[in-house]
N, C-alpha and C. Protein backbone atom coordinates (compact mmCIF):
# COMPACT_ATOMS: atom_id res chain seq x y z
N GLY A 1 -3.18 -39.30 -7.17
CA GLY A 1 -2.47 -39.86 -6.07
C GLY A 1 -3.41 -40.26 -4.95
N LEU A 2 -2.87 -40.86 -3.92
CA LEU A 2 -3.66 -41.28 -2.77
C LEU A 2 -4.09 -40.06 -1.97
N LYS A 3 -5.20 -40.20 -1.29
CA LYS A 3 -5.72 -39.12 -0.46
C LYS A 3 -4.72 -38.79 0.64
N GLY A 4 -4.40 -37.49 0.76
CA GLY A 4 -3.46 -37.07 1.79
C GLY A 4 -2.01 -37.19 1.37
N THR A 5 -1.75 -37.58 0.13
CA THR A 5 -0.38 -37.72 -0.36
C THR A 5 0.00 -36.50 -1.19
N ALA A 6 1.11 -35.87 -0.86
CA ALA A 6 1.59 -34.74 -1.65
C ALA A 6 2.24 -35.26 -2.92
N TRP A 7 1.67 -34.94 -4.09
CA TRP A 7 2.19 -35.44 -5.36
C TRP A 7 3.05 -34.41 -6.08
N ALA A 8 2.99 -33.14 -5.64
CA ALA A 8 3.82 -32.12 -6.28
C ALA A 8 4.08 -30.99 -5.30
N ILE A 9 5.30 -30.47 -5.32
CA ILE A 9 5.67 -29.32 -4.49
C ILE A 9 6.15 -28.22 -5.43
N SER A 10 5.44 -27.08 -5.42
CA SER A 10 5.79 -25.99 -6.34
C SER A 10 6.71 -24.97 -5.70
N VAL A 11 6.69 -24.85 -4.37
CA VAL A 11 7.54 -23.88 -3.68
C VAL A 11 8.14 -24.54 -2.45
N ASP A 12 9.45 -24.44 -2.32
CA ASP A 12 10.14 -24.91 -1.12
C ASP A 12 11.31 -23.96 -0.89
N ALA A 13 11.05 -22.87 -0.19
CA ALA A 13 12.06 -21.82 -0.06
C ALA A 13 11.96 -21.18 1.31
N THR A 14 13.08 -20.65 1.75
CA THR A 14 13.14 -19.85 2.97
C THR A 14 13.54 -18.42 2.57
N ILE A 15 12.74 -17.46 3.01
CA ILE A 15 12.98 -16.05 2.66
C ILE A 15 13.09 -15.23 3.92
N SER A 16 14.17 -14.47 4.03
CA SER A 16 14.35 -13.52 5.13
C SER A 16 14.35 -12.12 4.55
N GLY A 17 13.55 -11.24 5.14
CA GLY A 17 13.44 -9.87 4.64
C GLY A 17 13.71 -8.84 5.73
N LEU A 18 14.30 -7.73 5.33
CA LEU A 18 14.59 -6.62 6.24
C LEU A 18 14.10 -5.33 5.60
N ASP A 19 13.36 -4.53 6.36
CA ASP A 19 12.86 -3.24 5.88
C ASP A 19 13.21 -2.18 6.91
N VAL A 20 14.02 -1.22 6.50
CA VAL A 20 14.39 -0.08 7.35
C VAL A 20 13.94 1.19 6.64
N GLY A 21 13.05 1.95 7.26
CA GLY A 21 12.51 3.14 6.61
C GLY A 21 12.64 4.38 7.48
N GLY A 22 12.61 5.51 6.81
CA GLY A 22 12.65 6.79 7.52
C GLY A 22 11.93 7.85 6.70
N TYR A 23 11.42 8.88 7.37
CA TYR A 23 10.69 9.92 6.66
C TYR A 23 10.93 11.27 7.34
N LEU A 24 10.74 12.31 6.56
CA LEU A 24 10.86 13.68 7.06
C LEU A 24 9.64 14.45 6.59
N ASP A 25 8.91 15.07 7.52
CA ASP A 25 7.70 15.82 7.20
C ASP A 25 7.80 17.24 7.73
N LEU A 26 7.25 18.17 6.97
CA LEU A 26 7.15 19.56 7.39
C LEU A 26 5.70 20.01 7.27
N ASP A 27 5.18 20.65 8.31
CA ASP A 27 3.80 21.16 8.32
C ASP A 27 3.83 22.68 8.32
N SER A 28 2.92 23.26 7.55
CA SER A 28 2.81 24.72 7.53
C SER A 28 1.35 25.12 7.34
N THR A 29 0.98 26.27 7.88
CA THR A 29 -0.37 26.81 7.76
C THR A 29 -0.28 28.22 7.20
N TRP A 30 -1.11 28.50 6.18
CA TRP A 30 -1.11 29.80 5.53
C TRP A 30 -2.50 30.42 5.62
N PHE A 31 -2.55 31.66 6.05
CA PHE A 31 -3.79 32.43 6.13
C PHE A 31 -4.86 31.74 6.98
N GLN A 32 -4.45 30.87 7.88
CA GLN A 32 -5.32 30.14 8.80
C GLN A 32 -6.31 29.22 8.10
N ARG A 33 -6.23 29.09 6.79
CA ARG A 33 -7.16 28.24 6.04
C ARG A 33 -6.47 27.18 5.19
N VAL A 34 -5.23 27.41 4.88
CA VAL A 34 -4.50 26.51 4.00
C VAL A 34 -3.46 25.75 4.82
N HIS A 35 -3.56 24.43 4.81
CA HIS A 35 -2.64 23.58 5.57
C HIS A 35 -1.87 22.71 4.57
N LEU A 36 -0.56 22.89 4.57
CA LEU A 36 0.30 22.17 3.63
C LEU A 36 1.26 21.28 4.41
N ARG A 37 1.34 20.04 3.98
CA ARG A 37 2.26 19.09 4.60
C ARG A 37 3.03 18.39 3.50
N GLY A 38 4.34 18.31 3.65
CA GLY A 38 5.16 17.68 2.62
C GLY A 38 6.41 17.07 3.20
N GLY A 39 6.96 16.15 2.46
CA GLY A 39 8.17 15.51 2.94
C GLY A 39 8.63 14.42 1.99
N VAL A 40 9.49 13.57 2.49
CA VAL A 40 10.07 12.48 1.69
C VAL A 40 10.21 11.26 2.58
N ARG A 41 10.06 10.09 1.97
CA ARG A 41 10.24 8.84 2.69
C ARG A 41 11.20 7.96 1.90
N ALA A 42 12.05 7.24 2.61
CA ALA A 42 12.99 6.32 1.97
C ALA A 42 12.99 4.99 2.73
N ASP A 43 13.08 3.90 1.97
CA ASP A 43 13.10 2.56 2.56
C ASP A 43 14.25 1.76 1.96
N LEU A 44 14.93 1.04 2.84
CA LEU A 44 15.95 0.08 2.44
C LEU A 44 15.39 -1.31 2.69
N LEU A 45 15.29 -2.11 1.62
CA LEU A 45 14.80 -3.48 1.74
C LEU A 45 15.88 -4.45 1.29
N SER A 46 16.03 -5.51 2.07
CA SER A 46 17.02 -6.52 1.76
C SER A 46 16.39 -7.90 1.89
N TYR A 47 16.73 -8.81 0.96
CA TYR A 47 16.16 -10.15 0.95
C TYR A 47 17.27 -11.20 0.87
N GLN A 48 17.09 -12.27 1.65
CA GLN A 48 17.94 -13.45 1.57
C GLN A 48 17.03 -14.62 1.22
N VAL A 49 17.32 -15.29 0.10
CA VAL A 49 16.45 -16.35 -0.41
C VAL A 49 17.23 -17.65 -0.52
N ASP A 50 16.65 -18.71 0.02
CA ASP A 50 17.19 -20.07 -0.16
C ASP A 50 16.11 -20.88 -0.85
N ASP A 51 16.24 -21.01 -2.18
CA ASP A 51 15.24 -21.71 -3.00
C ASP A 51 15.73 -23.14 -3.21
N ARG A 52 15.16 -24.08 -2.48
CA ARG A 52 15.65 -25.46 -2.50
C ARG A 52 15.22 -26.25 -3.73
N LEU A 53 14.28 -25.73 -4.52
CA LEU A 53 13.84 -26.45 -5.72
C LEU A 53 14.65 -26.09 -6.95
N GLN A 54 15.47 -25.04 -6.88
CA GLN A 54 16.35 -24.71 -8.00
C GLN A 54 17.52 -25.70 -8.02
N ASN A 55 17.96 -26.06 -9.22
CA ASN A 55 19.03 -27.06 -9.38
C ASN A 55 18.69 -28.36 -8.66
N PHE A 56 17.40 -28.70 -8.70
CA PHE A 56 16.95 -29.91 -8.00
C PHE A 56 17.50 -31.16 -8.68
N VAL A 57 17.96 -32.11 -7.88
CA VAL A 57 18.54 -33.35 -8.39
C VAL A 57 17.62 -34.51 -8.01
N PRO A 58 17.04 -35.23 -8.99
CA PRO A 58 16.19 -36.39 -8.67
C PRO A 58 16.99 -37.45 -7.92
N ALA A 59 16.27 -38.29 -7.20
CA ALA A 59 16.92 -39.29 -6.36
C ALA A 59 17.71 -40.31 -7.18
N PHE A 60 17.32 -40.56 -8.45
CA PHE A 60 17.99 -41.59 -9.25
C PHE A 60 19.23 -41.05 -9.96
N ARG A 61 19.54 -39.73 -9.78
CA ARG A 61 20.74 -39.17 -10.41
C ARG A 61 21.77 -38.81 -9.36
N GLU A 62 23.02 -38.91 -9.76
CA GLU A 62 24.09 -38.52 -8.84
C GLU A 62 24.35 -37.02 -8.98
N ALA A 63 24.36 -36.34 -7.87
CA ALA A 63 24.53 -34.88 -7.90
C ALA A 63 25.99 -34.53 -8.18
N ASP A 64 26.23 -33.69 -9.19
CA ASP A 64 27.58 -33.22 -9.47
C ASP A 64 27.69 -31.71 -9.24
N TYR A 65 26.71 -31.13 -8.56
CA TYR A 65 26.73 -29.72 -8.21
C TYR A 65 25.88 -29.52 -6.95
N ILE A 66 25.98 -28.35 -6.36
CA ILE A 66 25.24 -28.07 -5.13
C ILE A 66 23.79 -27.73 -5.48
N PRO A 67 22.83 -28.50 -4.98
CA PRO A 67 21.42 -28.21 -5.28
C PRO A 67 20.96 -26.95 -4.54
N GLY A 68 19.91 -26.35 -5.07
CA GLY A 68 19.37 -25.13 -4.46
C GLY A 68 19.98 -23.88 -5.07
N TYR A 69 19.35 -22.76 -4.78
CA TYR A 69 19.82 -21.49 -5.32
C TYR A 69 19.69 -20.45 -4.21
N ARG A 70 20.81 -20.17 -3.55
CA ARG A 70 20.83 -19.19 -2.46
C ARG A 70 21.32 -17.85 -3.00
N ARG A 71 20.56 -16.80 -2.73
CA ARG A 71 20.87 -15.49 -3.31
C ARG A 71 20.39 -14.38 -2.39
N SER A 72 20.89 -13.18 -2.66
CA SER A 72 20.51 -12.01 -1.88
C SER A 72 20.34 -10.83 -2.81
N ALA A 73 19.48 -9.90 -2.41
CA ALA A 73 19.21 -8.70 -3.21
C ALA A 73 18.84 -7.56 -2.26
N THR A 74 19.30 -6.36 -2.59
CA THR A 74 19.07 -5.19 -1.75
C THR A 74 18.76 -3.98 -2.64
N GLY A 75 17.86 -3.13 -2.18
CA GLY A 75 17.53 -1.93 -2.95
C GLY A 75 16.97 -0.84 -2.06
N ILE A 76 16.93 0.37 -2.60
CA ILE A 76 16.41 1.54 -1.88
C ILE A 76 15.30 2.17 -2.71
N ALA A 77 14.20 2.52 -2.07
CA ALA A 77 13.09 3.23 -2.71
C ALA A 77 12.84 4.51 -1.94
N ALA A 78 12.79 5.63 -2.67
CA ALA A 78 12.56 6.93 -2.03
C ALA A 78 11.63 7.75 -2.91
N GLY A 79 10.84 8.61 -2.27
CA GLY A 79 9.93 9.44 -3.05
C GLY A 79 9.25 10.49 -2.19
N PRO A 80 8.75 11.56 -2.82
CA PRO A 80 8.10 12.65 -2.08
C PRO A 80 6.64 12.32 -1.79
N ARG A 81 6.09 13.03 -0.78
CA ARG A 81 4.67 12.93 -0.44
C ARG A 81 4.20 14.31 0.01
N PHE A 82 3.06 14.74 -0.55
CA PHE A 82 2.50 16.05 -0.22
C PHE A 82 1.00 15.93 0.01
N SER A 83 0.48 16.76 0.90
CA SER A 83 -0.96 16.84 1.11
C SER A 83 -1.33 18.29 1.36
N LEU A 84 -2.52 18.66 0.88
CA LEU A 84 -3.02 20.03 0.99
C LEU A 84 -4.46 19.98 1.48
N GLU A 85 -4.79 20.81 2.46
CA GLU A 85 -6.15 20.92 2.97
C GLU A 85 -6.52 22.39 3.07
N VAL A 86 -7.63 22.77 2.42
CA VAL A 86 -8.08 24.16 2.40
C VAL A 86 -9.46 24.23 3.04
N ASP A 87 -9.59 25.04 4.07
CA ASP A 87 -10.87 25.22 4.75
C ASP A 87 -11.75 26.14 3.92
N LEU A 88 -12.82 25.59 3.34
CA LEU A 88 -13.72 26.38 2.50
C LEU A 88 -14.82 27.05 3.31
N ALA A 89 -15.34 26.37 4.29
CA ALA A 89 -16.39 26.89 5.16
C ALA A 89 -16.33 26.09 6.45
N ARG A 90 -17.19 26.43 7.38
CA ARG A 90 -17.16 25.75 8.67
C ARG A 90 -17.44 24.25 8.48
N GLY A 91 -16.48 23.45 8.79
CA GLY A 91 -16.62 22.00 8.68
C GLY A 91 -16.34 21.43 7.31
N LEU A 92 -16.21 22.27 6.27
CA LEU A 92 -16.02 21.80 4.90
C LEU A 92 -14.61 22.12 4.43
N SER A 93 -13.92 21.12 3.89
CA SER A 93 -12.54 21.30 3.46
C SER A 93 -12.31 20.63 2.11
N LEU A 94 -11.43 21.25 1.33
CA LEU A 94 -10.92 20.66 0.10
C LEU A 94 -9.62 19.95 0.43
N ILE A 95 -9.48 18.71 -0.03
CA ILE A 95 -8.28 17.94 0.29
C ILE A 95 -7.65 17.42 -1.00
N ALA A 96 -6.33 17.45 -1.04
CA ALA A 96 -5.59 16.95 -2.20
C ALA A 96 -4.29 16.33 -1.69
N ALA A 97 -3.84 15.31 -2.38
CA ALA A 97 -2.60 14.63 -1.96
C ALA A 97 -1.93 14.00 -3.16
N TYR A 98 -0.60 13.91 -3.07
CA TYR A 98 0.20 13.23 -4.10
C TYR A 98 1.38 12.55 -3.41
N GLY A 99 1.72 11.38 -3.90
CA GLY A 99 2.86 10.69 -3.32
C GLY A 99 3.46 9.68 -4.26
N ASP A 100 4.76 9.48 -4.13
CA ASP A 100 5.48 8.41 -4.83
C ASP A 100 5.74 7.30 -3.83
N GLY A 101 5.26 6.11 -4.14
CA GLY A 101 5.49 4.97 -3.28
C GLY A 101 6.13 3.83 -4.05
N TYR A 102 5.99 2.63 -3.54
CA TYR A 102 6.58 1.48 -4.19
C TYR A 102 5.82 0.22 -3.81
N ARG A 103 5.94 -0.77 -4.65
CA ARG A 103 5.48 -2.12 -4.31
C ARG A 103 6.72 -2.97 -4.22
N SER A 104 6.91 -3.59 -3.06
CA SER A 104 8.10 -4.41 -2.88
C SER A 104 8.06 -5.61 -3.82
N PRO A 105 9.22 -6.11 -4.24
CA PRO A 105 9.26 -7.20 -5.23
C PRO A 105 8.87 -8.54 -4.63
N MET A 106 8.50 -9.48 -5.50
CA MET A 106 8.32 -10.87 -5.08
C MET A 106 9.71 -11.49 -4.96
N ALA A 107 10.05 -11.89 -3.77
CA ALA A 107 11.43 -12.30 -3.49
C ALA A 107 11.89 -13.46 -4.36
N LEU A 108 10.98 -14.39 -4.69
CA LEU A 108 11.39 -15.56 -5.48
C LEU A 108 11.75 -15.20 -6.91
N LEU A 109 11.36 -14.01 -7.38
CA LEU A 109 11.70 -13.59 -8.74
C LEU A 109 13.04 -12.88 -8.81
N LEU A 110 13.66 -12.60 -7.67
CA LEU A 110 14.91 -11.85 -7.65
C LEU A 110 16.10 -12.75 -7.97
N ASP A 111 17.08 -12.17 -8.69
CA ASP A 111 18.34 -12.86 -8.93
C ASP A 111 19.38 -12.38 -7.93
N ASP A 112 20.47 -13.11 -7.86
CA ASP A 112 21.53 -12.76 -6.90
C ASP A 112 22.17 -11.43 -7.29
N GLY A 113 22.24 -10.51 -6.32
CA GLY A 113 22.86 -9.22 -6.55
C GLY A 113 21.97 -8.22 -7.25
N GLU A 114 20.75 -8.60 -7.60
CA GLU A 114 19.84 -7.67 -8.28
C GLU A 114 19.44 -6.55 -7.32
N PRO A 115 19.35 -5.31 -7.80
CA PRO A 115 19.04 -4.19 -6.91
C PRO A 115 17.57 -4.11 -6.51
N ALA A 116 16.96 -5.25 -6.18
CA ALA A 116 15.58 -5.32 -5.68
C ALA A 116 14.68 -4.33 -6.41
N PRO A 117 14.30 -4.60 -7.66
CA PRO A 117 13.57 -3.61 -8.46
C PRO A 117 12.18 -3.33 -7.89
N PHE A 118 12.05 -2.22 -7.20
CA PHE A 118 10.76 -1.84 -6.67
C PHE A 118 9.87 -1.31 -7.79
N VAL A 119 8.60 -1.68 -7.76
CA VAL A 119 7.64 -1.13 -8.70
C VAL A 119 7.27 0.28 -8.23
N LYS A 120 7.53 1.28 -9.06
CA LYS A 120 7.23 2.66 -8.70
C LYS A 120 5.73 2.89 -8.76
N VAL A 121 5.18 3.49 -7.71
CA VAL A 121 3.75 3.78 -7.63
C VAL A 121 3.57 5.28 -7.45
N ARG A 122 2.83 5.90 -8.38
CA ARG A 122 2.51 7.33 -8.29
C ARG A 122 1.01 7.46 -8.08
N SER A 123 0.63 8.16 -7.01
CA SER A 123 -0.78 8.21 -6.64
C SER A 123 -1.18 9.64 -6.31
N ALA A 124 -2.41 10.02 -6.74
CA ALA A 124 -2.94 11.36 -6.46
C ALA A 124 -4.40 11.23 -6.03
N ASP A 125 -4.81 12.10 -5.10
CA ASP A 125 -6.18 12.12 -4.59
C ASP A 125 -6.70 13.55 -4.58
N LEU A 126 -8.00 13.72 -4.81
CA LEU A 126 -8.64 15.03 -4.75
C LEU A 126 -10.08 14.83 -4.30
N GLY A 127 -10.51 15.63 -3.29
CA GLY A 127 -11.87 15.45 -2.81
C GLY A 127 -12.29 16.50 -1.81
N LEU A 128 -13.42 16.22 -1.17
CA LEU A 128 -14.01 17.11 -0.17
C LEU A 128 -14.21 16.34 1.12
N LYS A 129 -14.09 17.06 2.23
CA LYS A 129 -14.31 16.48 3.55
C LYS A 129 -15.22 17.40 4.36
N TYR A 130 -16.20 16.80 5.03
CA TYR A 130 -17.11 17.58 5.86
C TYR A 130 -17.18 16.94 7.23
N ALA A 131 -17.09 17.76 8.26
CA ALA A 131 -17.15 17.26 9.63
C ALA A 131 -18.02 18.18 10.47
N LEU A 132 -18.94 17.59 11.21
CA LEU A 132 -19.82 18.32 12.12
C LEU A 132 -19.69 17.72 13.49
N ASP A 133 -19.35 18.55 14.44
CA ASP A 133 -19.20 18.10 15.83
C ASP A 133 -20.08 18.98 16.70
N ALA A 134 -21.24 18.45 17.04
CA ALA A 134 -22.18 19.23 17.86
C ALA A 134 -21.65 19.49 19.26
N ARG A 135 -20.64 18.76 19.67
CA ARG A 135 -20.09 18.98 21.01
C ARG A 135 -19.39 20.32 21.12
N ALA A 136 -18.89 20.83 19.96
CA ALA A 136 -18.15 22.09 20.01
C ALA A 136 -19.03 23.25 20.47
N SER A 137 -20.33 23.21 20.14
CA SER A 137 -21.22 24.30 20.53
C SER A 137 -22.13 23.92 21.69
N ALA A 138 -21.95 22.74 22.24
CA ALA A 138 -22.80 22.28 23.34
C ALA A 138 -22.25 22.74 24.67
N THR A 139 -23.14 22.86 25.63
CA THR A 139 -22.72 23.18 26.99
C THR A 139 -22.15 21.92 27.62
N GLU A 140 -21.49 22.09 28.75
CA GLU A 140 -20.84 20.96 29.40
C GLU A 140 -21.81 19.83 29.70
N PRO A 141 -23.00 20.07 30.23
CA PRO A 141 -23.92 18.95 30.49
C PRO A 141 -24.39 18.26 29.21
N GLU A 142 -24.46 19.01 28.08
CA GLU A 142 -24.94 18.43 26.83
C GLU A 142 -23.85 17.72 26.04
N ARG A 143 -22.60 17.99 26.35
CA ARG A 143 -21.49 17.55 25.51
C ARG A 143 -21.38 16.03 25.41
N ALA A 144 -21.68 15.33 26.50
CA ALA A 144 -21.52 13.87 26.49
C ALA A 144 -22.46 13.20 25.49
N GLY A 145 -23.64 13.78 25.26
CA GLY A 145 -24.59 13.16 24.36
C GLY A 145 -24.68 13.82 23.01
N ALA A 146 -23.83 14.79 22.71
CA ALA A 146 -23.90 15.50 21.44
C ALA A 146 -23.43 14.60 20.29
N ALA A 147 -24.02 14.80 19.12
CA ALA A 147 -23.74 13.95 17.97
C ALA A 147 -22.52 14.45 17.21
N ARG A 148 -21.87 13.51 16.51
CA ARG A 148 -20.77 13.82 15.61
C ARG A 148 -21.05 13.17 14.26
N PHE A 149 -20.63 13.84 13.18
CA PHE A 149 -20.83 13.31 11.84
C PHE A 149 -19.69 13.78 10.95
N SER A 150 -19.22 12.91 10.09
CA SER A 150 -18.19 13.29 9.13
C SER A 150 -18.39 12.51 7.84
N ALA A 151 -18.01 13.11 6.73
CA ALA A 151 -18.14 12.47 5.43
C ALA A 151 -16.97 12.90 4.55
N ARG A 152 -16.59 12.02 3.65
CA ARG A 152 -15.47 12.28 2.75
C ARG A 152 -15.75 11.66 1.39
N ALA A 153 -15.52 12.41 0.33
CA ALA A 153 -15.65 11.90 -1.03
C ALA A 153 -14.40 12.30 -1.80
N THR A 154 -13.67 11.33 -2.31
CA THR A 154 -12.40 11.60 -2.99
C THR A 154 -12.30 10.78 -4.26
N GLY A 155 -11.69 11.37 -5.27
CA GLY A 155 -11.31 10.64 -6.46
C GLY A 155 -9.83 10.35 -6.42
N PHE A 156 -9.41 9.26 -7.03
CA PHE A 156 -8.00 8.88 -6.97
C PHE A 156 -7.52 8.35 -8.31
N PHE A 157 -6.22 8.47 -8.51
CA PHE A 157 -5.56 7.94 -9.70
C PHE A 157 -4.22 7.37 -9.28
N THR A 158 -3.94 6.15 -9.69
CA THR A 158 -2.70 5.47 -9.32
C THR A 158 -2.07 4.84 -10.56
N HIS A 159 -0.78 5.05 -10.71
CA HIS A 159 -0.03 4.48 -11.83
C HIS A 159 1.12 3.63 -11.30
N LEU A 160 1.21 2.40 -11.76
CA LEU A 160 2.29 1.49 -11.39
C LEU A 160 3.21 1.31 -12.58
N GLY A 161 4.49 1.47 -12.35
CA GLY A 161 5.46 1.39 -13.44
C GLY A 161 5.58 0.02 -14.06
N ASP A 162 5.40 -1.05 -13.28
CA ASP A 162 5.51 -2.41 -13.79
C ASP A 162 4.74 -3.33 -12.86
N ASP A 163 3.56 -3.76 -13.29
CA ASP A 163 2.71 -4.57 -12.44
C ASP A 163 3.05 -6.04 -12.56
N ILE A 164 2.49 -6.84 -11.67
CA ILE A 164 2.73 -8.28 -11.64
C ILE A 164 1.39 -8.99 -11.61
N ALA A 165 1.24 -10.06 -12.39
CA ALA A 165 0.01 -10.85 -12.41
C ALA A 165 0.37 -12.32 -12.51
N PHE A 166 -0.57 -13.18 -12.06
CA PHE A 166 -0.34 -14.62 -12.12
C PHE A 166 -0.59 -15.13 -13.53
N ASP A 167 0.37 -15.83 -14.09
CA ASP A 167 0.27 -16.42 -15.42
C ASP A 167 -0.03 -17.91 -15.27
N PRO A 168 -1.24 -18.35 -15.66
CA PRO A 168 -1.59 -19.77 -15.47
C PRO A 168 -0.75 -20.71 -16.34
N ASP A 169 -0.26 -20.22 -17.49
CA ASP A 169 0.58 -21.07 -18.33
C ASP A 169 1.95 -21.31 -17.71
N GLU A 170 2.50 -20.24 -17.12
CA GLU A 170 3.80 -20.36 -16.46
C GLU A 170 3.67 -20.95 -15.07
N GLY A 171 2.49 -20.80 -14.46
CA GLY A 171 2.29 -21.29 -13.10
C GLY A 171 2.93 -20.42 -12.04
N ARG A 172 3.18 -19.15 -12.36
CA ARG A 172 3.80 -18.25 -11.40
C ARG A 172 3.49 -16.81 -11.78
N ALA A 173 3.82 -15.90 -10.88
CA ALA A 173 3.61 -14.48 -11.15
C ALA A 173 4.68 -13.96 -12.09
N THR A 174 4.26 -13.15 -13.06
CA THR A 174 5.19 -12.61 -14.04
C THR A 174 4.91 -11.12 -14.25
N PRO A 175 5.91 -10.33 -14.62
CA PRO A 175 5.68 -8.90 -14.93
C PRO A 175 4.77 -8.76 -16.15
N VAL A 176 3.87 -7.77 -16.10
CA VAL A 176 2.93 -7.55 -17.20
C VAL A 176 3.01 -6.13 -17.74
N GLY A 177 3.94 -5.32 -17.26
CA GLY A 177 4.07 -3.95 -17.74
C GLY A 177 3.30 -2.97 -16.89
N PRO A 178 3.24 -1.72 -17.33
CA PRO A 178 2.58 -0.66 -16.54
C PRO A 178 1.08 -0.91 -16.40
N SER A 179 0.50 -0.38 -15.32
CA SER A 179 -0.94 -0.44 -15.10
C SER A 179 -1.38 0.83 -14.40
N ARG A 180 -2.68 1.10 -14.46
CA ARG A 180 -3.19 2.27 -13.76
C ARG A 180 -4.57 1.94 -13.20
N ARG A 181 -4.93 2.66 -12.14
CA ARG A 181 -6.22 2.52 -11.48
C ARG A 181 -6.80 3.90 -11.23
N ALA A 182 -8.08 4.06 -11.52
CA ALA A 182 -8.77 5.33 -11.28
C ALA A 182 -10.14 5.02 -10.71
N GLY A 183 -10.62 5.89 -9.82
CA GLY A 183 -11.93 5.66 -9.21
C GLY A 183 -12.22 6.69 -8.15
N PHE A 184 -13.17 6.35 -7.30
CA PHE A 184 -13.54 7.27 -6.22
C PHE A 184 -13.96 6.47 -5.00
N THR A 185 -13.88 7.13 -3.85
CA THR A 185 -14.27 6.54 -2.56
C THR A 185 -15.18 7.52 -1.82
N VAL A 186 -16.25 6.99 -1.25
CA VAL A 186 -17.15 7.79 -0.42
C VAL A 186 -17.22 7.12 0.95
N TYR A 187 -16.98 7.89 2.00
CA TYR A 187 -16.97 7.35 3.36
C TYR A 187 -17.71 8.31 4.28
N ALA A 188 -18.52 7.77 5.15
CA ALA A 188 -19.26 8.59 6.13
C ALA A 188 -19.35 7.83 7.44
N ASP A 189 -19.30 8.55 8.54
CA ASP A 189 -19.50 7.93 9.84
C ASP A 189 -20.26 8.89 10.75
N ALA A 190 -20.95 8.34 11.70
CA ALA A 190 -21.75 9.14 12.63
C ALA A 190 -21.68 8.52 14.01
N HIS A 191 -21.70 9.38 15.01
CA HIS A 191 -21.72 8.96 16.41
C HIS A 191 -22.92 9.66 17.06
N PRO A 192 -24.15 9.18 16.74
CA PRO A 192 -25.35 9.89 17.19
C PRO A 192 -25.59 9.81 18.70
N PHE A 193 -25.15 8.73 19.31
CA PHE A 193 -25.33 8.53 20.75
C PHE A 193 -24.02 8.01 21.34
N PRO A 194 -23.83 8.18 22.62
CA PRO A 194 -22.58 7.69 23.23
C PRO A 194 -22.37 6.20 23.04
N TRP A 195 -23.45 5.45 22.84
CA TRP A 195 -23.34 4.00 22.73
C TRP A 195 -23.46 3.50 21.29
N ALA A 196 -23.53 4.40 20.32
CA ALA A 196 -23.74 3.98 18.94
C ALA A 196 -22.75 4.66 18.00
N PHE A 197 -22.17 3.88 17.09
CA PHE A 197 -21.28 4.39 16.06
C PHE A 197 -21.65 3.70 14.74
N VAL A 198 -21.86 4.47 13.69
CA VAL A 198 -22.28 3.95 12.39
C VAL A 198 -21.33 4.45 11.32
N SER A 199 -20.93 3.57 10.42
CA SER A 199 -20.06 3.98 9.31
C SER A 199 -20.51 3.30 8.03
N LEU A 200 -20.26 3.98 6.92
CA LEU A 200 -20.63 3.48 5.60
C LEU A 200 -19.57 3.92 4.60
N SER A 201 -19.16 3.02 3.72
CA SER A 201 -18.16 3.37 2.72
C SER A 201 -18.40 2.57 1.45
N THR A 202 -18.03 3.16 0.33
CA THR A 202 -18.09 2.46 -0.95
C THR A 202 -16.96 2.96 -1.84
N THR A 203 -16.45 2.07 -2.67
CA THR A 203 -15.33 2.41 -3.56
C THR A 203 -15.61 1.86 -4.96
N TYR A 204 -15.33 2.67 -5.95
CA TYR A 204 -15.39 2.22 -7.34
C TYR A 204 -14.00 2.39 -7.95
N VAL A 205 -13.56 1.39 -8.69
CA VAL A 205 -12.24 1.47 -9.29
C VAL A 205 -12.27 0.84 -10.68
N ASN A 206 -11.56 1.47 -11.61
CA ASN A 206 -11.39 0.95 -12.95
C ASN A 206 -9.90 0.72 -13.15
N ALA A 207 -9.53 -0.51 -13.40
CA ALA A 207 -8.10 -0.87 -13.53
C ALA A 207 -7.81 -1.30 -14.96
N VAL A 208 -6.72 -0.81 -15.51
CA VAL A 208 -6.30 -1.11 -16.88
C VAL A 208 -4.84 -1.55 -16.86
């Protein structure tokens, strides 16, 4: 086609989305070393879609039906979340967490009245955390310039009940079935001077 001329339109839709969420958390400490936090979160998501390319009528044909596909879908996703932190030594802690989450759907794939099928996500983390704050033992005149340092190394595992990927043959995103991701993250930061902050992080992940 000519330069600057649109020769094809693949998406022409208006999408309105609503997300209302709430959560309940409880914190508890045992033996002054074990910190447990747990609760549940729930989200209500609703979508209104006006897809103007569905039932499209070419200009040379007489329309005998209403063009476009207007639809709505609503669903609820709820799941537990827990985290555990155990103080092993001064500044060193063991951390663990588990939670059920969701991936919200692609609105254009929803049918009218469909219960907004959220992809269930189950995720777990396990690692160590170390924090050193020289200000805690410094005198008042020394505290402003005292250094801080923290580091965290965690492994993670995530499972998705039904993943989505772009299909070049179909020209759109399509469900591909369950998937999982496993890996680790290392993060460190330091505040050696009042005017300097340094951070470093790296992540490795294997996805199947």
